[in-house]
PDB file of N, CA and C in Angstrom:
ATOM      1  N   UNK A   1    -116.753   2.116  -9.426  1.00  0.00           N
ATOM      2  CA  UNK A   1    -118.014   2.235  -8.592  1.00  0.00           C
ATOM      3  C   UNK A   1    -119.128   2.513  -9.482  1.00  0.00           C
ATOM      4  N   UNK A   2    -119.204   2.812 -10.625  1.00  0.00           N
ATOM      5  CA  UNK A   2    -120.268   3.117 -11.489  1.00  0.00           C
ATOM      6  C   UNK A   2    -120.447   1.994 -12.202  1.00  0.00           C
ATOM      7  N   UNK A   3    -119.548   0.944 -12.568  1.00  0.00           N
ATOM      8  CA  UNK A   3    -119.759  -0.282 -12.969  1.00  0.00           C
ATOM      9  C   UNK A   3    -120.467  -1.176 -12.209  1.00  0.00           C
ATOM     10  N   UNK A   4    -120.265  -1.004 -10.681  1.00  0.00           N
ATOM     11  CA  UNK A   4    -120.927  -1.924  -9.675  1.00  0.00           C
ATOM     12  C   UNK A   4    -122.288  -1.367  -9.813  1.00  0.00           C
ATOM     13  N   UNK A   5    -122.886  -0.179  -9.828  1.00  0.00           N
ATOM     14  CA  UNK A   5    -124.000   0.221  -9.893  1.00  0.00           C
ATOM     15  C   UNK A   5    -124.747  -0.101 -11.077  1.00  0.00           C
ATOM     16  N   UNK A   6    -123.994  -0.158 -12.127  1.00  0.00           N
ATOM     17  CA  UNK A   6    -124.518  -0.576 -13.352  1.00  0.00           C
ATOM     18  C   UNK A   6    -125.147  -1.997 -13.581  1.00  0.00           C
ATOM     19  N   UNK A   7    -124.156  -2.864 -12.980  1.00  0.00           N
ATOM     20  CA  UNK A   7    -124.420  -4.475 -12.708  1.00  0.00           C
ATOM     21  C   UNK A   7    -125.548  -4.307 -11.704  1.00  0.00           C
ATOM     22  N   UNK A   8    -125.613  -3.849 -10.621  1.00  0.00           N
ATOM     23  CA  UNK A   8    -126.715  -3.874  -9.726  1.00  0.00           C
ATOM     24  C   UNK A   8    -127.900  -3.683 -10.251  1.00  0.00           C
ATOM     25  N   UNK A   9    -127.936  -2.568 -11.127  1.00  0.00           N
ATOM     26  CA  UNK A   9    -129.379  -2.060 -11.707  1.00  0.00           C
ATOM     27  C   UNK A   9    -129.596  -3.287 -12.880  1.00  0.00           C
ATOM     28  N   UNK A  10    -128.967  -3.949 -13.514  1.00  0.00           N
ATOM     29  CA  UNK A  10    -129.130  -4.808 -14.461  1.00  0.00           C
ATOM     30  C   UNK A  10    -129.492  -6.198 -13.728  1.00  0.00           C
ATOM     31  N   UNK A  11    -128.942  -6.207 -12.738  1.00  0.00           N
ATOM     32  CA  UNK A  11    -129.228  -7.501 -11.974  1.00  0.00           C
ATOM     33  C   UNK A  11    -130.736  -7.321 -11.366  1.00  0.00           C
ATOM     34  N   UNK A  12    -131.246  -6.335 -10.923  1.00  0.00           N
ATOM     35  CA  UNK A  12    -132.445  -5.880 -10.476  1.00  0.00           C
ATOM     36  C   UNK A  12    -133.498  -5.832 -11.973  1.00  0.00           C
ATOM     37  N   UNK A  13    -133.220  -5.732 -13.138  1.00  0.00           N
ATOM     38  CA  UNK A  13    -134.018  -5.621 -14.061  1.00  0.00           C
ATOM     39  C   UNK A  13    -134.393  -7.025 -14.684  1.00  0.00           C
ATOM     40  N   UNK A  14    -133.035  -7.869 -14.305  1.00  0.00           N
ATOM     41  CA  UNK A  14    -133.176  -9.291 -14.581  1.00  0.00           C
ATOM     42  C   UNK A  14    -134.219 -10.015 -13.610  1.00  0.00           C
ATOM     43  N   UNK A  15    -134.127  -9.415 -12.710  1.00  0.00           N
ATOM     44  CA  UNK A  15    -134.988 -10.080 -11.354  1.00  0.00           C
ATOM     45  C   UNK A  15    -136.368  -9.958 -11.891  1.00  0.00           C
ATOM     46  N   UNK A  16    -136.643  -8.473 -12.231  1.00  0.00           N
ATOM     47  CA  UNK A  16    -138.073  -8.169 -12.267  1.00  0.00           C
ATOM     48  C   UNK A  16    -138.648  -8.662 -13.717  1.00  0.00           C
ATOM     49  N   UNK A  17    -137.797  -8.837 -14.799  1.00  0.00           N
ATOM     50  CA  UNK A  17    -138.190  -9.688 -15.910  1.00  0.00           C
ATOM     51  C   UNK A  17    -138.470 -11.056 -15.384  1.00  0.00           C
ATOM     52  N   UNK A  18    -137.799 -11.571 -14.898  1.00  0.00           N
ATOM     53  CA  UNK A  18    -138.195 -13.155 -14.499  1.00  0.00           C
ATOM     54  C   UNK A  18    -139.320 -13.490 -13.885  1.00  0.00           C
ATOM     55  N   UNK A  19    -139.707 -12.430 -12.713  1.00  0.00           N
ATOM     56  CA  UNK A  19    -140.707 -12.289 -11.807  1.00  0.00           C
ATOM     57  C   UNK A  19    -141.927 -12.072 -12.633  1.00  0.00           C
ATOM     58  N   UNK A  20    -142.011 -11.282 -13.741  1.00  0.00           N
ATOM     59  CA  UNK A  20    -142.858 -10.909 -14.645  1.00  0.00           C
ATOM     60  C   UNK A  20    -143.330 -12.154 -15.598  1.00  0.00           C
ATOM     61  N   UNK A  21    -142.438 -12.880 -16.053  1.00  0.00           N
ATOM     62  CA  UNK A  21    -142.386 -14.092 -16.749  1.00  0.00           C
ATOM     63  C   UNK A  21    -143.010 -15.198 -15.855  1.00  0.00           C
ATOM     64  N   UNK A  22    -142.836 -15.434 -14.593  1.00  0.00           N
ATOM     65  CA  UNK A  22    -143.339 -16.301 -13.855  1.00  0.00           C
ATOM     66  C   UNK A  22    -144.824 -15.700 -13.307  1.00  0.00           C
ATOM     67  N   UNK A  23    -144.966 -14.741 -13.196  1.00  0.00           N
ATOM     68  CA  UNK A  23    -146.455 -14.348 -12.798  1.00  0.00           C
ATOM     69  C   UNK A  23    -147.571 -14.369 -13.725  1.00  0.00           C
ATOM     70  N   UNK A  24    -146.981 -13.800 -14.901  1.00  0.00           N
ATOM     71  CA  UNK A  24    -147.822 -13.514 -16.147  1.00  0.00           C
ATOM     72  C   UNK A  24    -148.167 -14.438 -17.140  1.00  0.00           C
ATOM     73  N   UNK A  25    -149.288 -15.251 -17.148  1.00  0.00           N
ATOM     74  CA  UNK A  25    -149.744 -16.396 -18.120  1.00  0.00           C
ATOM     75  C   UNK A  25    -149.513 -15.940 -19.509  1.00  0.00           C
ATOM     76  N   UNK A  26    -149.718 -14.649 -19.884  1.00  0.00           N
ATOM     77  CA  UNK A  26    -149.497 -14.256 -21.265  1.00  0.00           C
ATOM     78  C   UNK A  26    -147.909 -14.204 -21.724  1.00  0.00           C
ATOM     79  N   UNK A  27    -147.034 -14.215 -20.950  1.00  0.00           N
ATOM     80  CA  UNK A  27    -145.690 -13.983 -21.064  1.00  0.00           C
ATOM     81  C   UNK A  27    -145.160 -15.018 -21.921  1.00  0.00           C
ATOM     82  N   UNK A  28    -145.596 -16.613 -21.867  1.00  0.00           N
ATOM     83  CA  UNK A  28    -145.160 -17.313 -22.688  1.00  0.00           C
ATOM     84  C   UNK A  28    -145.525 -17.192 -24.347  1.00  0.00           C
ATOM     85  N   UNK A  29    -146.601 -16.494 -24.420  1.00  0.00           N
ATOM     86  CA  UNK A  29    -147.160 -15.906 -25.656  1.00  0.00           C
ATOM     87  C   UNK A  29    -146.259 -15.103 -26.056  1.00  0.00           C
ATOM     88  N   UNK A  30    -145.963 -14.088 -25.348  1.00  0.00           N
ATOM     89  CA  UNK A  30    -145.198 -12.836 -25.613  1.00  0.00           C
ATOM     90  C   UNK A  30    -143.939 -13.316 -25.911  1.00  0.00           C
ATOM     91  N   UNK A  31    -143.254 -14.344 -25.373  1.00  0.00           N
ATOM     92  CA  UNK A  31    -141.983 -14.590 -25.406  1.00  0.00           C
ATOM     93  C   UNK A  31    -142.067 -15.440 -27.007  1.00  0.00           C
ATOM     94  N   UNK A  32    -142.786 -16.110 -27.040  1.00  0.00           N
ATOM     95  CA  UNK A  32    -142.991 -16.871 -28.340  1.00  0.00           C
ATOM     96  C   UNK A  32    -143.255 -15.963 -29.484  1.00  0.00           C
ATOM     97  N   UNK A  33    -143.898 -15.052 -29.556  1.00  0.00           N
ATOM     98  CA  UNK A  33    -144.135 -13.933 -30.405  1.00  0.00           C
ATOM     99  C   UNK A  33    -143.044 -13.007 -30.757  1.00  0.00           C
ATOM    100  N   UNK A  34    -142.052 -13.121 -29.714  1.00  0.00           N
ATOM    101  CA  UNK A  34    -140.807 -11.846 -29.803  1.00  0.00           C
ATOM    102  C   UNK A  34    -139.557 -12.208 -30.492  1.00  0.00           C
ATOM    103  N   UNK A  35    -139.251 -11.305 -31.240  1.00  0.00           N
ATOM    104  CA  UNK A  35    -137.868 -11.765 -32.000  1.00  0.00           C
ATOM    105  C   UNK A  35    -136.648 -11.933 -31.107  1.00  0.00           C
ATOM    106  N   UNK A  36    -136.895 -11.537 -30.205  1.00  0.00           N
ATOM    107  CA  UNK A  36    -135.522 -11.654 -28.816  1.00  0.00           C
ATOM    108  C   UNK A  36    -135.642 -12.789 -28.225  1.00  0.00           C
ATOM    109  N   UNK A  37    -136.947 -13.535 -27.838  1.00  0.00           N
ATOM    110  CA  UNK A  37    -136.604 -14.724 -27.376  1.00  0.00           C
ATOM    111  C   UNK A  37    -137.316 -15.747 -28.212  1.00  0.00           C
ATOM    112  N   UNK A  38    -137.100 -17.155 -28.176  1.00  0.00           N
ATOM    113  CA  UNK A  38    -137.762 -17.984 -28.682  1.00  0.00           C
ATOM    114  C   UNK A  38    -138.871 -18.870 -27.710  1.00  0.00           C
ATOM    115  N   UNK A  39    -138.741 -18.982 -26.585  1.00  0.00           N
ATOM    116  CA  UNK A  39    -139.657 -19.327 -25.702  1.00  0.00           C
ATOM    117  C   UNK A  39    -139.269 -18.641 -24.331  1.00  0.00           C
ATOM    118  N   UNK A  40    -140.167 -19.038 -23.308  1.00  0.00           N
ATOM    119  CA  UNK A  40    -140.112 -18.777 -22.098  1.00  0.00           C
ATOM    120  C   UNK A  40    -138.800 -19.135 -21.582  1.00  0.00           C
ATOM    121  N   UNK A  41    -138.478 -20.386 -21.698  1.00  0.00           N
ATOM    122  CA  UNK A  41    -137.327 -21.102 -21.096  1.00  0.00           C
ATOM    123  C   UNK A  41    -136.040 -20.165 -21.690  1.00  0.00           C
ATOM    124  N   UNK A  42    -136.098 -19.923 -23.015  1.00  0.00           N
ATOM    125  CA  UNK A  42    -134.872 -18.925 -23.627  1.00  0.00           C
ATOM    126  C   UNK A  42    -135.017 -17.427 -22.939  1.00  0.00           C
ATOM    127  N   UNK A  43    -136.186 -17.183 -22.756  1.00  0.00           N
ATOM    128  CA  UNK A  43    -136.228 -15.766 -21.925  1.00  0.00           C
ATOM    129  C   UNK A  43    -135.371 -15.861 -20.546  1.00  0.00           C
ATOM    130  N   UNK A  44    -135.988 -16.893 -19.817  1.00  0.00           N
ATOM    131  CA  UNK A  44    -135.387 -17.304 -18.474  1.00  0.00           C
ATOM    132  C   UNK A  44    -133.689 -17.492 -18.475  1.00  0.00           C
ATOM    133  N   UNK A  45    -133.371 -18.284 -19.490  1.00  0.00           N
ATOM    134  CA  UNK A  45    -132.059 -18.278 -19.613  1.00  0.00           C
ATOM    135  C   UNK A  45    -131.206 -17.143 -19.995  1.00  0.00           C
ATOM    136  N   UNK A  46    -131.667 -16.697 -20.829  1.00  0.00           N
ATOM    137  CA  UNK A  46    -130.935 -15.246 -21.260  1.00  0.00           C
ATOM    138  C   UNK A  46    -130.806 -14.139 -20.296  1.00  0.00           C
ATOM    139  N   UNK A  47    -131.953 -14.206 -19.408  1.00  0.00           N
ATOM    140  CA  UNK A  47    -132.189 -13.300 -18.504  1.00  0.00           C
ATOM    141  C   UNK A  47    -131.427 -13.646 -17.000  1.00  0.00           C
ATOM    142  N   UNK A  48    -130.609 -14.873 -17.179  1.00  0.00           N
ATOM    143  CA  UNK A  48    -130.037 -15.539 -15.912  1.00  0.00           C
ATOM    144  C   UNK A  48    -131.183 -16.140 -15.168  1.00  0.00           C
ATOM    145  N   UNK A  49    -132.150 -16.679 -15.475  1.00  0.00           N
ATOM    146  CA  UNK A  49    -132.798 -17.405 -14.685  1.00  0.00           C
ATOM    147  C   UNK A  49    -132.679 -18.632 -14.393  1.00  0.00           C
ATOM    148  N   UNK A  50    -131.936 -19.652 -15.271  1.00  0.00           N
ATOM    149  CA  UNK A  50    -131.864 -20.839 -15.357  1.00  0.00           C
ATOM    150  C   UNK A  50    -130.328 -21.187 -15.870  1.00  0.00           C
ATOM    151  N   UNK A  51    -129.894 -22.084 -15.618  1.00  0.00           N
ATOM    152  CA  UNK A  51    -128.639 -22.863 -16.498  1.00  0.00           C
ATOM    153  C   UNK A  51    -129.352 -23.820 -17.626  1.00  0.00           C
ATOM    154  N   UNK A  52    -128.640 -23.507 -18.708  1.00  0.00           N
ATOM    155  CA  UNK A  52    -129.185 -24.499 -19.575  1.00  0.00           C
ATOM    156  C   UNK A  52    -128.278 -25.503 -19.640  1.00  0.00           C
ATOM    157  N   UNK A  53    -128.811 -26.782 -19.968  1.00  0.00           N
ATOM    158  CA  UNK A  53    -128.369 -28.105 -20.514  1.00  0.00           C
ATOM    159  C   UNK A  53    -127.801 -28.154 -21.761  1.00  0.00           C
ATOM    160  N   UNK A  54    -126.550 -28.121 -22.499  1.00  0.00           N
ATOM    161  CA  UNK A  54    -126.165 -28.042 -23.501  1.00  0.00           C
ATOM    162  C   UNK A  54    -126.561 -29.105 -24.429  1.00  0.00           C
ATOM    163  N   UNK A  55    -126.771 -30.110 -24.061  1.00  0.00           N
ATOM    164  CA  UNK A  55    -127.342 -31.023 -24.970  1.00  0.00           C
ATOM    165  C   UNK A  55    -128.938 -30.659 -25.413  1.00  0.00           C
ATOM    166  N   UNK A  56    -129.469 -30.412 -24.481  1.00  0.00           N
ATOM    167  CA  UNK A  56    -130.990 -29.746 -24.615  1.00  0.00           C
ATOM    168  C   UNK A  56    -131.148 -28.965 -25.772  1.00  0.00           C
ATOM    169  N   UNK A  57    -130.057 -28.022 -26.309  1.00  0.00           N
ATOM    170  CA  UNK A  57    -130.454 -26.952 -27.334  1.00  0.00           C
ATOM    171  C   UNK A  57    -129.867 -27.886 -28.530  1.00  0.00           C
ATOM    172  N   UNK A  58    -129.057 -28.695 -28.747  1.00  0.00           N
ATOM    173  CA  UNK A  58    -128.750 -29.753 -29.893  1.00  0.00           C
ATOM    174  C   UNK A  58    -130.122 -30.618 -30.170  1.00  0.00           C
ATOM    175  N   UNK A  59    -130.700 -30.967 -29.428  1.00  0.00           N
ATOM    176  CA  UNK A  59    -131.640 -31.731 -29.469  1.00  0.00           C
ATOM    177  C   UNK A  59    -132.956 -31.040 -29.976  1.00  0.00           C
ATOM    178  N   UNK A  60    -133.161 -29.728 -29.508  1.00  0.00           N
ATOM    179  CA  UNK A  60    -134.417 -29.144 -29.874  1.00  0.00           C
ATOM    180  C   UNK A  60    -133.909 -28.114 -31.232  1.00  0.00           C
ATOM    181  N   UNK A  61    -132.704 -27.896 -31.659  1.00  0.00           N
ATOM    182  CA  UNK A  61    -132.280 -27.476 -32.983  1.00  0.00           C
ATOM    183  C   UNK A  61    -132.424 -28.415 -33.828  1.00  0.00           C
ATOM    184  N   UNK A  62    -131.818 -29.726 -33.603  1.00  0.00           N
ATOM    185  CA  UNK A  62    -131.775 -30.573 -34.790  1.00  0.00           C
ATOM    186  C   UNK A  62    -132.774 -32.240 -34.356  1.00  0.00           C
ATOM    187  N   UNK A  63    -133.963 -32.187 -34.244  1.00  0.00           N
ATOM    188  CA  UNK A  63    -134.702 -33.043 -33.670  1.00  0.00           C
ATOM    189  C   UNK A  63    -134.478 -34.386 -34.331  1.00  0.00           C
ATOM    190  N   UNK A  64    -134.554 -34.280 -35.607  1.00  0.00           N
ATOM    191  CA  UNK A  64    -134.331 -35.531 -36.506  1.00  0.00           C
ATOM    192  C   UNK A  64    -133.016 -36.203 -36.261  1.00  0.00           C
ATOM    193  N   UNK A  65    -131.929 -35.351 -36.022  1.00  0.00           N
ATOM    194  CA  UNK A  65    -130.634 -36.008 -36.041  1.00  0.00           C
ATOM    195  C   UNK A  65    -130.650 -37.028 -34.977  1.00  0.00           C
ATOM    196  N   UNK A  66    -131.491 -36.841 -33.861  1.00  0.00           N
ATOM    197  CA  UNK A  66    -131.519 -37.602 -32.500  1.00  0.00           C
ATOM    198  C   UNK A  66    -132.156 -38.722 -32.660  1.00  0.00           C
ATOM    199  N   UNK A  67    -133.064 -38.822 -33.672  1.00  0.00           N
ATOM    200  CA  UNK A  67    -133.912 -39.905 -33.875  1.00  0.00           C
ATOM    201  C   UNK A  67    -133.432 -41.199 -35.073  1.00  0.00           C
ATOM    202  N   UNK A  68    -132.190 -40.608 -35.716  1.00  0.00           N
ATOM    203  CA  UNK A  68    -131.468 -41.725 -36.649  1.00  0.00           C
ATOM    204  C   UNK A  68    -130.378 -42.247 -35.892  1.00  0.00           C
ATOM    205  N   UNK A  69    -129.979 -43.416 -36.174  1.00  0.00           N
ATOM    206  CA  UNK A  69    -129.048 -44.291 -35.576  1.00  0.00           C
ATOM    207  C   UNK A  69    -128.193 -44.497 -36.863  1.00  0.00           C
ATOM    208  N   UNK A  70    -126.781 -44.153 -36.796  1.00  0.00           N
ATOM    209  CA  UNK A  70    -125.952 -44.310 -37.891  1.00  0.00           C
ATOM    210  C   UNK A  70    -124.877 -45.132 -37.622  1.00  0.00           C
TER     211      UNK A  70
END
């Protein structure tokens, strides 16, 4: 029972954080300057706001590798 209450509280906090990011224009700046998040998209992904395309992270992490043909 305690685990379910804890999960409900965490889900509520995630929803509040996503709402905050969506409503506040400075959230992107804060996410970029934070050690926890690399961008607003990372914040949304880590907080359960969206699903991530696995190919997208590879292209962002290694942009030069996608531009060369071997």
